[in-house]
């Protein structure tokens, strides 16, 4: 049995931390790229559309850490 302090898989991120990390590394990113990152690292069993509508877009729109560069373009940056 694996000990609690040992990690048997890759990096572990919260969804919020993953979005912030991606935007920190790329400065700006469109929502499709953010959804791809979430799909790759966290929610492989869900469709891109589900990830976008249920997770990524609500977080981007409600969290003050994120700012849409131009309304309607879905290109985001950290505030």
PDB file of N, CA and C in Angstrom:
ATOM      1  N   UNK A   1       0.841  -1.183   0.000  1.00  0.00           N
ATOM      2  CA  UNK A   1       0.000   0.000   0.000  1.00  0.00           C
ATOM      3  C   UNK A   1       0.884   1.243   0.000  1.00  0.00           C
ATOM      4  N   UNK A   2       0.492   2.255  -0.765  1.00  0.00           N
ATOM      5  CA  UNK A   2       1.237   3.495  -0.881  1.00  0.00           C
ATOM      6  C   UNK A   2       0.977   4.377   0.334  1.00  0.00           C
ATOM      7  N   UNK A   3       2.050   4.948   0.862  1.00  0.00           N
ATOM      8  CA  UNK A   3       1.898   5.863   1.986  1.00  0.00           C
ATOM      9  C   UNK A   3       1.238   7.145   1.510  1.00  0.00           C
ATOM     10  N   UNK A   4       0.565   7.840   2.431  1.00  0.00           N
ATOM     11  CA  UNK A   4      -0.129   9.068   2.069  1.00  0.00           C
ATOM     12  C   UNK A   4       0.819  10.143   1.560  1.00  0.00           C
ATOM     13  N   UNK A   5       2.046  10.173   2.068  1.00  0.00           N
ATOM     14  CA  UNK A   5       2.959  11.228   1.646  1.00  0.00           C
ATOM     15  C   UNK A   5       3.708  10.888   0.360  1.00  0.00           C
ATOM     16  N   UNK A   6       3.485   9.712  -0.199  1.00  0.00           N
ATOM     17  CA  UNK A   6       4.099   9.338  -1.464  1.00  0.00           C
ATOM     18  C   UNK A   6       3.104   9.531  -2.595  1.00  0.00           C
ATOM     19  N   UNK A   7       3.563  10.118  -3.664  1.00  0.00           N
ATOM     20  CA  UNK A   7       2.698  10.372  -4.806  1.00  0.00           C
ATOM     21  C   UNK A   7       3.044   9.379  -5.898  1.00  0.00           C
ATOM     22  N   UNK A   8       2.055   8.630  -6.354  1.00  0.00           N
ATOM     23  CA  UNK A   8       2.318   7.596  -7.349  1.00  0.00           C
ATOM     24  C   UNK A   8       2.046   8.059  -8.776  1.00  0.00           C
ATOM     25  N   UNK A   9       1.444   9.207  -8.940  1.00  0.00           N
ATOM     26  CA  UNK A   9       1.164   9.709 -10.283  1.00  0.00           C
ATOM     27  C   UNK A   9       1.861  11.052 -10.468  1.00  0.00           C
ATOM     28  N   UNK A  10       1.544  11.732 -11.549  1.00  0.00           N
ATOM     29  CA  UNK A  10       2.148  13.017 -11.859  1.00  0.00           C
ATOM     30  C   UNK A  10       1.714  14.111 -10.910  1.00  0.00           C
ATOM     31  N   UNK A  11       1.986  15.361 -11.274  1.00  0.00           N
ATOM     32  CA  UNK A  11       1.648  16.482 -10.405  1.00  0.00           C
ATOM     33  C   UNK A  11       0.150  16.538 -10.098  1.00  0.00           C
ATOM     34  N   UNK A  12      -0.154  16.987  -8.921  1.00  0.00           N
ATOM     35  CA  UNK A  12      -1.543  17.108  -8.497  1.00  0.00           C
ATOM     36  C   UNK A  12      -1.876  18.592  -8.343  1.00  0.00           C
ATOM     37  N   UNK A  13      -2.903  19.049  -9.034  1.00  0.00           N
ATOM     38  CA  UNK A  13      -3.301  20.449  -8.999  1.00  0.00           C
ATOM     39  C   UNK A  13      -4.782  20.541  -8.670  1.00  0.00           C
ATOM     40  N   UNK A  14      -5.148  21.632  -8.048  1.00  0.00           N
ATOM     41  CA  UNK A  14      -6.566  21.958  -7.985  1.00  0.00           C
ATOM     42  C   UNK A  14      -6.903  22.599  -9.326  1.00  0.00           C
ATOM     43  N   UNK A  15      -8.150  22.618  -9.659  1.00  0.00           N
ATOM     44  CA  UNK A  15      -8.568  23.218 -10.927  1.00  0.00           C
ATOM     45  C   UNK A  15      -8.180  24.691 -10.979  1.00  0.00           C
ATOM     46  N   UNK A  16      -8.415  25.406  -9.908  1.00  0.00           N
ATOM     47  CA  UNK A  16      -8.065  26.824  -9.850  1.00  0.00           C
ATOM     48  C   UNK A  16      -6.561  27.009 -10.010  1.00  0.00           C
ATOM     49  N   UNK A  17      -5.772  26.206  -9.322  1.00  0.00           N
ATOM     50  CA  UNK A  17      -4.320  26.316  -9.419  1.00  0.00           C
ATOM     51  C   UNK A  17      -3.826  25.993 -10.828  1.00  0.00           C
ATOM     52  N   UNK A  18      -4.434  25.020 -11.467  1.00  0.00           N
ATOM     53  CA  UNK A  18      -4.035  24.662 -12.828  1.00  0.00           C
ATOM     54  C   UNK A  18      -4.318  25.806 -13.804  1.00  0.00           C
ATOM     55  N   UNK A  19      -5.471  26.438 -13.679  1.00  0.00           N
ATOM     56  CA  UNK A  19      -5.792  27.577 -14.544  1.00  0.00           C
ATOM     57  C   UNK A  19      -4.824  28.731 -14.308  1.00  0.00           C
ATOM     58  N   UNK A  20      -4.540  29.017 -13.043  1.00  0.00           N
ATOM     59  CA  UNK A  20      -3.600  30.099 -12.721  1.00  0.00           C
ATOM     60  C   UNK A  20      -2.202  29.781 -13.234  1.00  0.00           C
ATOM     61  N   UNK A  21      -1.764  28.545 -13.070  1.00  0.00           N
ATOM     62  CA  UNK A  21      -0.443  28.136 -13.540  1.00  0.00           C
ATOM     63  C   UNK A  21      -0.328  28.293 -15.050  1.00  0.00           C
ATOM     64  N   UNK A  22      -1.345  27.841 -15.765  1.00  0.00           N
ATOM     65  CA  UNK A  22      -1.332  27.933 -17.227  1.00  0.00           C
ATOM     66  C   UNK A  22      -1.261  29.386 -17.677  1.00  0.00           C
ATOM     67  N   UNK A  23      -2.071  30.239 -17.064  1.00  0.00           N
ATOM     68  CA  UNK A  23      -2.049  31.650 -17.454  1.00  0.00           C
ATOM     69  C   UNK A  23      -0.766  32.342 -17.023  1.00  0.00           C
ATOM     70  N   UNK A  24      -0.201  31.932 -15.924  1.00  0.00           N
ATOM     71  CA  UNK A  24       1.076  32.504 -15.494  1.00  0.00           C
ATOM     72  C   UNK A  24       2.168  32.173 -16.497  1.00  0.00           C
ATOM     73  N   UNK A  25       2.190  30.935 -16.964  1.00  0.00           N
ATOM     74  CA  UNK A  25       3.228  30.500 -17.898  1.00  0.00           C
ATOM     75  C   UNK A  25       3.055  31.080 -19.296  1.00  0.00           C
ATOM     76  N   UNK A  26       1.806  31.294 -19.714  1.00  0.00           N
ATOM     77  CA  UNK A  26       1.549  31.747 -21.087  1.00  0.00           C
ATOM     78  C   UNK A  26       1.118  33.206 -21.174  1.00  0.00           C
ATOM     79  N   UNK A  27       0.949  33.877 -20.050  1.00  0.00           N
ATOM     80  CA  UNK A  27       0.480  35.257 -19.933  1.00  0.00           C
ATOM     81  C   UNK A  27      -0.973  35.426 -20.354  1.00  0.00           C
ATOM     82  N   UNK A  28      -1.333  34.993 -21.558  1.00  0.00           N
ATOM     83  CA  UNK A  28      -2.728  34.998 -21.991  1.00  0.00           C
ATOM     84  C   UNK A  28      -3.033  33.646 -22.629  1.00  0.00           C
ATOM     85  N   UNK A  29      -4.305  33.296 -22.623  1.00  0.00           N
ATOM     86  CA  UNK A  29      -4.700  32.030 -23.221  1.00  0.00           C
ATOM     87  C   UNK A  29      -6.183  32.081 -23.553  1.00  0.00           C
ATOM     88  N   UNK A  30      -6.549  31.479 -24.668  1.00  0.00           N
ATOM     89  CA  UNK A  30      -7.977  31.411 -24.964  1.00  0.00           C
ATOM     90  C   UNK A  30      -8.586  30.254 -24.188  1.00  0.00           C
ATOM     91  N   UNK A  31      -9.883  30.267 -24.084  1.00  0.00           N
ATOM     92  CA  UNK A  31     -10.572  29.290 -23.246  1.00  0.00           C
ATOM     93  C   UNK A  31     -10.379  27.859 -23.747  1.00  0.00           C
ATOM     94  N   UNK A  32     -10.237  27.669 -25.047  1.00  0.00           N
ATOM     95  CA  UNK A  32     -10.035  26.327 -25.585  1.00  0.00           C
ATOM     96  C   UNK A  32      -8.721  25.726 -25.095  1.00  0.00           C
ATOM     97  N   UNK A  33      -7.675  26.541 -25.036  1.00  0.00           N
ATOM     98  CA  UNK A  33      -6.384  26.060 -24.533  1.00  0.00           C
ATOM     99  C   UNK A  33      -6.466  25.712 -23.054  1.00  0.00           C
ATOM    100  N   UNK A  34      -7.199  26.512 -22.297  1.00  0.00           N
ATOM    101  CA  UNK A  34      -7.374  26.225 -20.873  1.00  0.00           C
ATOM    102  C   UNK A  34      -8.151  24.927 -20.669  1.00  0.00           C
ATOM    103  N   UNK A  35      -9.172  24.728 -21.480  1.00  0.00           N
ATOM    104  CA  UNK A  35      -9.960  23.491 -21.392  1.00  0.00           C
ATOM    105  C   UNK A  35      -9.084  22.288 -21.732  1.00  0.00           C
ATOM    106  N   UNK A  36      -8.230  22.413 -22.736  1.00  0.00           N
ATOM    107  CA  UNK A  36      -7.309  21.328 -23.094  1.00  0.00           C
ATOM    108  C   UNK A  36      -6.388  20.975 -21.933  1.00  0.00           C
ATOM    109  N   UNK A  37      -5.869  21.983 -21.245  1.00  0.00           N
ATOM    110  CA  UNK A  37      -5.000  21.742 -20.098  1.00  0.00           C
ATOM    111  C   UNK A  37      -5.738  20.994 -18.999  1.00  0.00           C
ATOM    112  N   UNK A  38      -6.951  21.417 -18.702  1.00  0.00           N
ATOM    113  CA  UNK A  38      -7.745  20.767 -17.665  1.00  0.00           C
ATOM    114  C   UNK A  38      -8.045  19.327 -18.069  1.00  0.00           C
ATOM    115  N   UNK A  39      -8.380  19.116 -19.327  1.00  0.00           N
ATOM    116  CA  UNK A  39      -8.655  17.760 -19.818  1.00  0.00           C
ATOM    117  C   UNK A  39      -7.411  16.889 -19.695  1.00  0.00           C
ATOM    118  N   UNK A  40      -6.268  17.411 -20.057  1.00  0.00           N
ATOM    119  CA  UNK A  40      -5.030  16.635 -20.035  1.00  0.00           C
ATOM    120  C   UNK A  40      -4.604  16.264 -18.615  1.00  0.00           C
ATOM    121  N   UNK A  41      -4.715  17.207 -17.671  1.00  0.00           N
ATOM    122  CA  UNK A  41      -4.184  16.987 -16.334  1.00  0.00           C
ATOM    123  C   UNK A  41      -5.210  16.527 -15.299  1.00  0.00           C
ATOM    124  N   UNK A  42      -6.513  16.729 -15.544  1.00  0.00           N
ATOM    125  CA  UNK A  42      -7.468  16.457 -14.478  1.00  0.00           C
ATOM    126  C   UNK A  42      -8.684  15.634 -14.888  1.00  0.00           C
ATOM    127  N   UNK A  43      -9.401  16.049 -15.892  1.00  0.00           N
ATOM    128  CA  UNK A  43     -10.718  15.495 -16.193  1.00  0.00           C
ATOM    129  C   UNK A  43     -10.735  14.779 -17.535  1.00  0.00           C
ATOM    130  N   UNK A  44      -9.924  13.752 -17.665  1.00  0.00           N
ATOM    131  CA  UNK A  44      -9.820  13.032 -18.936  1.00  0.00           C
ATOM    132  C   UNK A  44     -11.089  12.295 -19.313  1.00  0.00           C
ATOM    133  N   UNK A  45     -11.909  11.999 -18.334  1.00  0.00           N
ATOM    134  CA  UNK A  45     -13.132  11.237 -18.601  1.00  0.00           C
ATOM    135  C   UNK A  45     -14.312  12.108 -19.022  1.00  0.00           C
ATOM    136  N   UNK A  46     -14.113  13.421 -19.105  1.00  0.00           N
ATOM    137  CA  UNK A  46     -15.204  14.314 -19.499  1.00  0.00           C
ATOM    138  C   UNK A  46     -14.893  14.972 -20.836  1.00  0.00           C
ATOM    139  N   UNK A  47     -15.941  15.355 -21.545  1.00  0.00           N
ATOM    140  CA  UNK A  47     -15.765  15.983 -22.856  1.00  0.00           C
ATOM    141  C   UNK A  47     -15.272  17.423 -22.686  1.00  0.00           C
ATOM    142  N   UNK A  48     -14.688  17.946 -23.741  1.00  0.00           N
ATOM    143  CA  UNK A  48     -14.228  19.330 -23.724  1.00  0.00           C
ATOM    144  C   UNK A  48     -15.388  20.283 -23.423  1.00  0.00           C
ATOM    145  N   UNK A  49     -16.536  20.016 -24.004  1.00  0.00           N
ATOM    146  CA  UNK A  49     -17.709  20.879 -23.808  1.00  0.00           C
ATOM    147  C   UNK A  49     -18.158  20.870 -22.348  1.00  0.00           C
ATOM    148  N   UNK A  50     -18.162  19.695 -21.717  1.00  0.00           N
ATOM    149  CA  UNK A  50     -18.530  19.610 -20.303  1.00  0.00           C
ATOM    150  C   UNK A  50     -17.541  20.372 -19.440  1.00  0.00           C
ATOM    151  N   UNK A  51     -16.268  20.195 -19.712  1.00  0.00           N
ATOM    152  CA  UNK A  51     -15.238  20.886 -18.936  1.00  0.00           C
ATOM    153  C   UNK A  51     -15.394  22.393 -19.084  1.00  0.00           C
ATOM    154  N   UNK A  52     -15.610  22.837 -20.296  1.00  0.00           N
ATOM    155  CA  UNK A  52     -15.747  24.270 -20.545  1.00  0.00           C
ATOM    156  C   UNK A  52     -16.969  24.844 -19.828  1.00  0.00           C
ATOM    157  N   UNK A  53     -18.130  24.205 -20.017  1.00  0.00           N
ATOM    158  CA  UNK A  53     -19.376  24.756 -19.486  1.00  0.00           C
ATOM    159  C   UNK A  53     -19.556  24.580 -17.982  1.00  0.00           C
ATOM    160  N   UNK A  54     -19.065  23.474 -17.436  1.00  0.00           N
ATOM    161  CA  UNK A  54     -19.302  23.173 -16.019  1.00  0.00           C
ATOM    162  C   UNK A  54     -18.185  23.635 -15.090  1.00  0.00           C
ATOM    163  N   UNK A  55     -16.979  23.756 -15.606  1.00  0.00           N
ATOM    164  CA  UNK A  55     -15.843  24.041 -14.733  1.00  0.00           C
ATOM    165  C   UNK A  55     -15.091  25.317 -15.111  1.00  0.00           C
ATOM    166  N   UNK A  56     -14.494  25.334 -16.284  1.00  0.00           N
ATOM    167  CA  UNK A  56     -13.562  26.399 -16.632  1.00  0.00           C
ATOM    168  C   UNK A  56     -14.248  27.752 -16.773  1.00  0.00           C
ATOM    169  N   UNK A  57     -15.277  27.832 -17.597  1.00  0.00           N
ATOM    170  CA  UNK A  57     -15.927  29.128 -17.821  1.00  0.00           C
ATOM    171  C   UNK A  57     -16.526  29.727 -16.547  1.00  0.00           C
ATOM    172  N   UNK A  58     -17.230  28.956 -15.718  1.00  0.00           N
ATOM    173  CA  UNK A  58     -17.744  29.549 -14.474  1.00  0.00           C
ATOM    174  C   UNK A  58     -16.635  30.078 -13.553  1.00  0.00           C
ATOM    175  N   UNK A  59     -15.514  29.366 -13.494  1.00  0.00           N
ATOM    176  CA  UNK A  59     -14.415  29.846 -12.653  1.00  0.00           C
ATOM    177  C   UNK A  59     -13.817  31.124 -13.218  1.00  0.00           C
ATOM    178  N   UNK A  60     -13.573  31.147 -14.518  1.00  0.00           N
ATOM    179  CA  UNK A  60     -12.989  32.343 -15.130  1.00  0.00           C
ATOM    180  C   UNK A  60     -13.879  33.572 -14.938  1.00  0.00           C
ATOM    181  N   UNK A  61     -15.173  33.391 -15.074  1.00  0.00           N
ATOM    182  CA  UNK A  61     -16.101  34.525 -14.995  1.00  0.00           C
ATOM    183  C   UNK A  61     -16.373  34.980 -13.557  1.00  0.00           C
ATOM    184  N   UNK A  62     -16.236  34.077 -12.586  1.00  0.00           N
ATOM    185  CA  UNK A  62     -16.606  34.448 -11.216  1.00  0.00           C
ATOM    186  C   UNK A  62     -15.415  34.774 -10.317  1.00  0.00           C
ATOM    187  N   UNK A  63     -14.223  34.368 -10.703  1.00  0.00           N
ATOM    188  CA  UNK A  63     -13.063  34.587  -9.847  1.00  0.00           C
ATOM    189  C   UNK A  63     -12.342  35.872 -10.257  1.00  0.00           C
ATOM    190  N   UNK A  64     -12.099  36.769  -9.302  1.00  0.00           N
ATOM    191  CA  UNK A  64     -11.441  38.038  -9.644  1.00  0.00           C
ATOM    192  C   UNK A  64      -9.971  37.892 -10.036  1.00  0.00           C
ATOM    193  N   UNK A  65      -9.413  36.700  -9.936  1.00  0.00           N
ATOM    194  CA  UNK A  65      -8.027  36.482 -10.359  1.00  0.00           C
ATOM    195  C   UNK A  65      -7.868  36.463 -11.874  1.00  0.00           C
ATOM    196  N   UNK A  66      -8.990  36.341 -12.584  1.00  0.00           N
ATOM    197  CA  UNK A  66      -8.958  36.230 -14.039  1.00  0.00           C
ATOM    198  C   UNK A  66      -9.652  37.415 -14.685  1.00  0.00           C
ATOM    199  N   UNK A  67      -9.120  37.822 -15.824  1.00  0.00           N
ATOM    200  CA  UNK A  67      -9.691  38.956 -16.553  1.00  0.00           C
ATOM    201  C   UNK A  67      -9.748  38.608 -18.039  1.00  0.00           C
ATOM    202  N   UNK A  68     -10.924  38.809 -18.632  1.00  0.00           N
ATOM    203  CA  UNK A  68     -11.070  38.601 -20.076  1.00  0.00           C
ATOM    204  C   UNK A  68     -10.504  39.833 -20.776  1.00  0.00           C
ATOM    205  N   UNK A  69      -9.552  39.635 -21.653  1.00  0.00           N
ATOM    206  CA  UNK A  69      -8.863  40.750 -22.301  1.00  0.00           C
ATOM    207  C   UNK A  69      -9.820  41.613 -23.101  1.00  0.00           C
ATOM    208  N   UNK A  70     -10.643  40.984 -23.917  1.00  0.00           N
ATOM    209  CA  UNK A  70     -11.632  41.709 -24.717  1.00  0.00           C
ATOM    210  C   UNK A  70     -12.946  40.945 -24.619  1.00  0.00           C
ATOM    211  N   UNK A  71     -13.981  41.631 -24.190  1.00  0.00           N
ATOM    212  CA  UNK A  71     -15.267  40.986 -23.973  1.00  0.00           C
ATOM    213  C   UNK A  71     -15.710  40.224 -25.217  1.00  0.00           C
ATOM    214  N   UNK A  72     -16.092  38.971 -25.010  1.00  0.00           N
ATOM    215  CA  UNK A  72     -16.591  38.128 -26.102  1.00  0.00           C
ATOM    216  C   UNK A  72     -15.523  37.352 -26.837  1.00  0.00           C
ATOM    217  N   UNK A  73     -14.253  37.651 -26.624  1.00  0.00           N
ATOM    218  CA  UNK A  73     -13.173  36.961 -27.342  1.00  0.00           C
ATOM    219  C   UNK A  73     -12.704  35.703 -26.618  1.00  0.00           C
ATOM    220  N   UNK A  74     -13.044  35.563 -25.336  1.00  0.00           N
ATOM    221  CA  UNK A  74     -12.653  34.419 -24.522  1.00  0.00           C
ATOM    222  C   UNK A  74     -11.146  34.221 -24.467  1.00  0.00           C
ATOM    223  N   UNK A  75     -10.404  35.313 -24.394  1.00  0.00           N
ATOM    224  CA  UNK A  75      -8.956  35.277 -24.165  1.00  0.00           C
ATOM    225  C   UNK A  75      -8.730  35.856 -22.771  1.00  0.00           C
ATOM    226  N   UNK A  76      -8.049  35.089 -21.912  1.00  0.00           N
ATOM    227  CA  UNK A  76      -7.964  35.408 -20.490  1.00  0.00           C
ATOM    228  C   UNK A  76      -6.531  35.657 -20.057  1.00  0.00           C
ATOM    229  N   UNK A  77      -6.397  36.406 -18.964  1.00  0.00           N
ATOM    230  CA  UNK A  77      -5.097  36.634 -18.324  1.00  0.00           C
ATOM    231  C   UNK A  77      -5.336  36.733 -16.823  1.00  0.00           C
ATOM    232  N   UNK A  78      -4.258  36.648 -16.071  1.00  0.00           N
ATOM    233  CA  UNK A  78      -4.341  36.844 -14.637  1.00  0.00           C
ATOM    234  C   UNK A  78      -4.409  38.345 -14.348  1.00  0.00           C
ATOM    235  N   UNK A  79      -5.139  38.702 -13.305  1.00  0.00           N
ATOM    236  CA  UNK A  79      -5.199  40.124 -12.929  1.00  0.00           C
ATOM    237  C   UNK A  79      -3.997  40.516 -12.137  1.00  0.00           C
TER     238      UNK A  79
END
